[in-house]
Amino acid sequence: MFVVANFLDATATVLDVVLWLYMWIVIARAVISWVNPDPYNPIVRTLYAVTEPVLSRLRRKLPLFAGSIDFSPIVVILGTGGTIAGVANPGQGDLAYEAAQLGVDGLQLPEIGLPDIEGHSNLIMRDGATRPAPPHP
């Protein structure tokens, strides 16, 4: 199970990076479309080649125009951000914790120090019990 948890964590990390990079490519294309870009520029051609398949498919399904403003990049950015938050980072990237919540055995979870009301740090153990944290040197 340790191997599966690490594989899932690595896959989630790669998916997170790819989606994050694609989101920024869509943002760059939206920003560059505000000016009159040279269509023969290799950077502009690359941006259009990477983003146009997704944007054109979205435009066919949902015509998101208001006058001459195209809202499809906004929908792609929101969708990509939601996918990053929901799929690539379940539990903020702590797949070992998620697997333990599902009852997968054999995973080592770290102890988490949280401050209580008085400002003291307590350690929350894997079984949910708390104990005082040792003093810092």
Protein backbone atom coordinates (compact mmCIF):
# COMPACT_ATOMS: atom_id res chain seq x y z
CA MET A 1 0.00 0.00 0.00
CA PHE A 2 2.94 2.29 0.59
CA VAL A 3 3.90 2.00 -3.08
CA VAL A 4 0.34 2.74 -4.19
CA ALA A 5 0.14 5.81 -1.94
CA ASN A 6 3.46 7.14 -3.28
CA PHE A 7 2.39 6.45 -6.87
CA LEU A 8 -0.88 8.31 -6.33
CA ASP A 9 0.96 11.19 -4.69
CA ALA A 10 3.44 11.40 -7.58
CA THR A 11 0.64 11.24 -10.14
CA ALA A 12 -1.24 13.99 -8.31
CA THR A 13 1.88 16.14 -8.23
CA VAL A 14 2.51 15.73 -11.97
CA LEU A 15 -1.15 16.45 -12.72
CA ASP A 16 -0.97 19.53 -10.51
CA VAL A 17 2.07 20.90 -12.35
CA VAL A 18 0.63 20.18 -15.82
CA LEU A 19 -2.73 21.79 -15.00
CA TRP A 20 -1.06 24.78 -13.33
CA LEU A 21 1.16 25.29 -16.39
CA TYR A 22 -1.81 24.97 -18.77
CA MET A 23 -3.78 27.51 -16.74
CA TRP A 24 -0.94 30.02 -17.11
CA ILE A 25 -0.71 29.31 -20.85
CA VAL A 26 -4.43 30.13 -21.20
CA ILE A 27 -3.90 33.31 -19.17
CA ALA A 28 -0.97 34.30 -21.42
CA ARG A 29 -3.12 33.71 -24.50
CA ALA A 30 -5.94 35.83 -23.07
CA VAL A 31 -3.55 38.67 -22.25
CA ILE A 32 -1.83 38.51 -25.64
CA SER A 33 -5.21 38.62 -27.40
CA TRP A 34 -5.80 42.12 -25.99
CA VAL A 35 -3.14 43.48 -28.32
CA ASN A 36 -2.70 42.80 -32.00
CA PRO A 37 -0.14 39.96 -31.90
CA ASP A 38 1.93 38.99 -34.91
CA PRO A 39 0.36 35.70 -36.07
CA TYR A 40 3.72 34.50 -37.42
CA ASN A 41 5.51 34.88 -34.08
CA PRO A 42 6.51 31.41 -32.81
CA ILE A 43 5.39 32.18 -29.25
CA VAL A 44 1.96 33.34 -30.41
CA ARG A 45 1.62 30.32 -32.69
CA THR A 46 2.56 27.98 -29.82
CA LEU A 47 0.07 29.61 -27.46
CA TYR A 48 -2.71 29.29 -30.03
CA ALA A 49 -1.76 25.71 -30.96
CA VAL A 50 -1.82 24.58 -27.31
CA THR A 51 -5.00 26.36 -26.24
CA GLU A 52 -7.19 26.42 -29.34
CA PRO A 53 -8.32 22.75 -29.22
CA VAL A 54 -9.83 23.22 -25.75
CA LEU A 55 -11.17 26.72 -26.37
CA SER A 56 -12.75 25.87 -29.74
CA ARG A 57 -14.47 22.79 -28.29
CA LEU A 58 -15.81 24.91 -25.43
CA ARG A 59 -16.98 27.62 -27.84
CA ARG A 60 -18.91 25.02 -29.86
CA LYS A 61 -20.62 23.60 -26.76
CA LEU A 62 -21.23 26.90 -24.94
CA PRO A 63 -21.24 30.08 -27.02
CA LEU A 64 -19.81 32.40 -24.37
CA PHE A 65 -19.68 35.73 -26.16
CA ALA A 66 -20.89 39.12 -25.01
CA GLY A 67 -20.44 41.44 -27.93
CA SER A 68 -16.87 40.86 -29.03
CA ILE A 69 -15.66 39.57 -25.66
CA ASP A 70 -14.89 35.83 -25.52
CA PHE A 71 -15.46 34.34 -22.07
CA SER A 72 -14.25 30.83 -22.90
CA PRO A 73 -10.71 31.43 -21.48
CA ILE A 74 -12.30 32.46 -18.17
CA VAL A 75 -14.31 29.24 -18.09
CA VAL A 76 -11.19 27.19 -18.88
CA ILE A 77 -9.19 29.00 -16.17
CA LEU A 78 -11.92 28.44 -13.58
CA GLY A 79 -12.30 24.82 -14.64
CA THR A 80 -8.57 24.20 -14.51
CA GLY A 81 -8.31 25.87 -11.10
CA GLY A 82 -11.20 23.79 -9.80
CA THR A 83 -9.61 20.64 -11.15
CA ILE A 84 -6.33 21.53 -9.47
CA ALA A 85 -8.08 22.13 -6.17
CA GLY A 86 -10.34 19.09 -6.35
CA VAL A 87 -8.38 16.38 -8.12
CA ALA A 88 -4.69 17.17 -8.04
CA ASN A 89 -4.60 18.19 -4.36
CA PRO A 90 -7.07 16.13 -2.37
CA GLY A 91 -6.56 17.06 1.26
CA GLN A 92 -3.93 19.64 0.22
CA GLY A 93 -1.69 16.95 -1.24
CA ASP A 94 -1.59 14.63 1.77
CA LEU A 95 -2.65 11.38 0.14
CA ALA A 96 -1.36 9.33 3.06
CA TYR A 97 -3.88 11.07 5.32
CA GLU A 98 -6.68 10.55 2.80
CA ALA A 99 -5.81 6.86 2.45
CA ALA A 100 -5.79 6.47 6.24
CA GLN A 101 -9.25 8.06 6.40
CA LEU A 102 -10.41 5.41 3.93
CA GLY A 103 -8.98 2.63 6.10
CA VAL A 104 -5.84 1.74 4.13
CA ASP A 105 -3.35 0.08 6.49
CA GLY A 106 0.41 0.33 6.53
CA LEU A 107 0.79 4.08 5.98
CA GLN A 108 2.86 6.16 8.35
CA LEU A 109 1.18 9.47 9.14
CA PRO A 110 3.11 12.34 10.70
CA GLU A 111 2.13 13.86 13.99
CA ILE A 112 0.63 17.33 13.53
CA GLY A 113 1.23 20.12 16.04
CA LEU A 114 -1.71 22.51 16.48
CA PRO A 115 -1.88 25.39 18.97
CA ASP A 116 -4.70 25.24 21.49
CA ILE A 117 -6.57 28.19 23.02
CA GLU A 118 -3.74 29.11 25.39
CA GLY A 119 -1.21 29.03 22.56
CA HIS A 120 0.42 25.72 23.61
CA SER A 121 1.24 23.21 20.92
CA ASN A 122 -0.42 19.81 21.11
CA LEU A 123 0.37 16.79 19.00
CA ILE A 124 -2.57 15.12 17.35
CA MET A 125 -1.83 11.42 17.06
CA ARG A 126 -3.02 9.13 14.27
CA ASP A 127 -5.77 7.71 16.48
CA GLY A 128 -7.11 11.22 17.20
CA ALA A 129 -5.72 11.47 20.74
CA THR A 130 -3.81 14.60 21.73
CA ARG A 131 -0.75 14.96 23.94
CA PRO A 132 1.44 17.96 24.79
CA ALA A 133 4.26 18.66 22.37
CA PRO A 134 7.80 18.49 23.70
CA PRO A 135 9.44 21.89 24.27
CA HIS A 136 11.55 23.23 21.42
CA PRO A 137 15.29 23.51 22.11
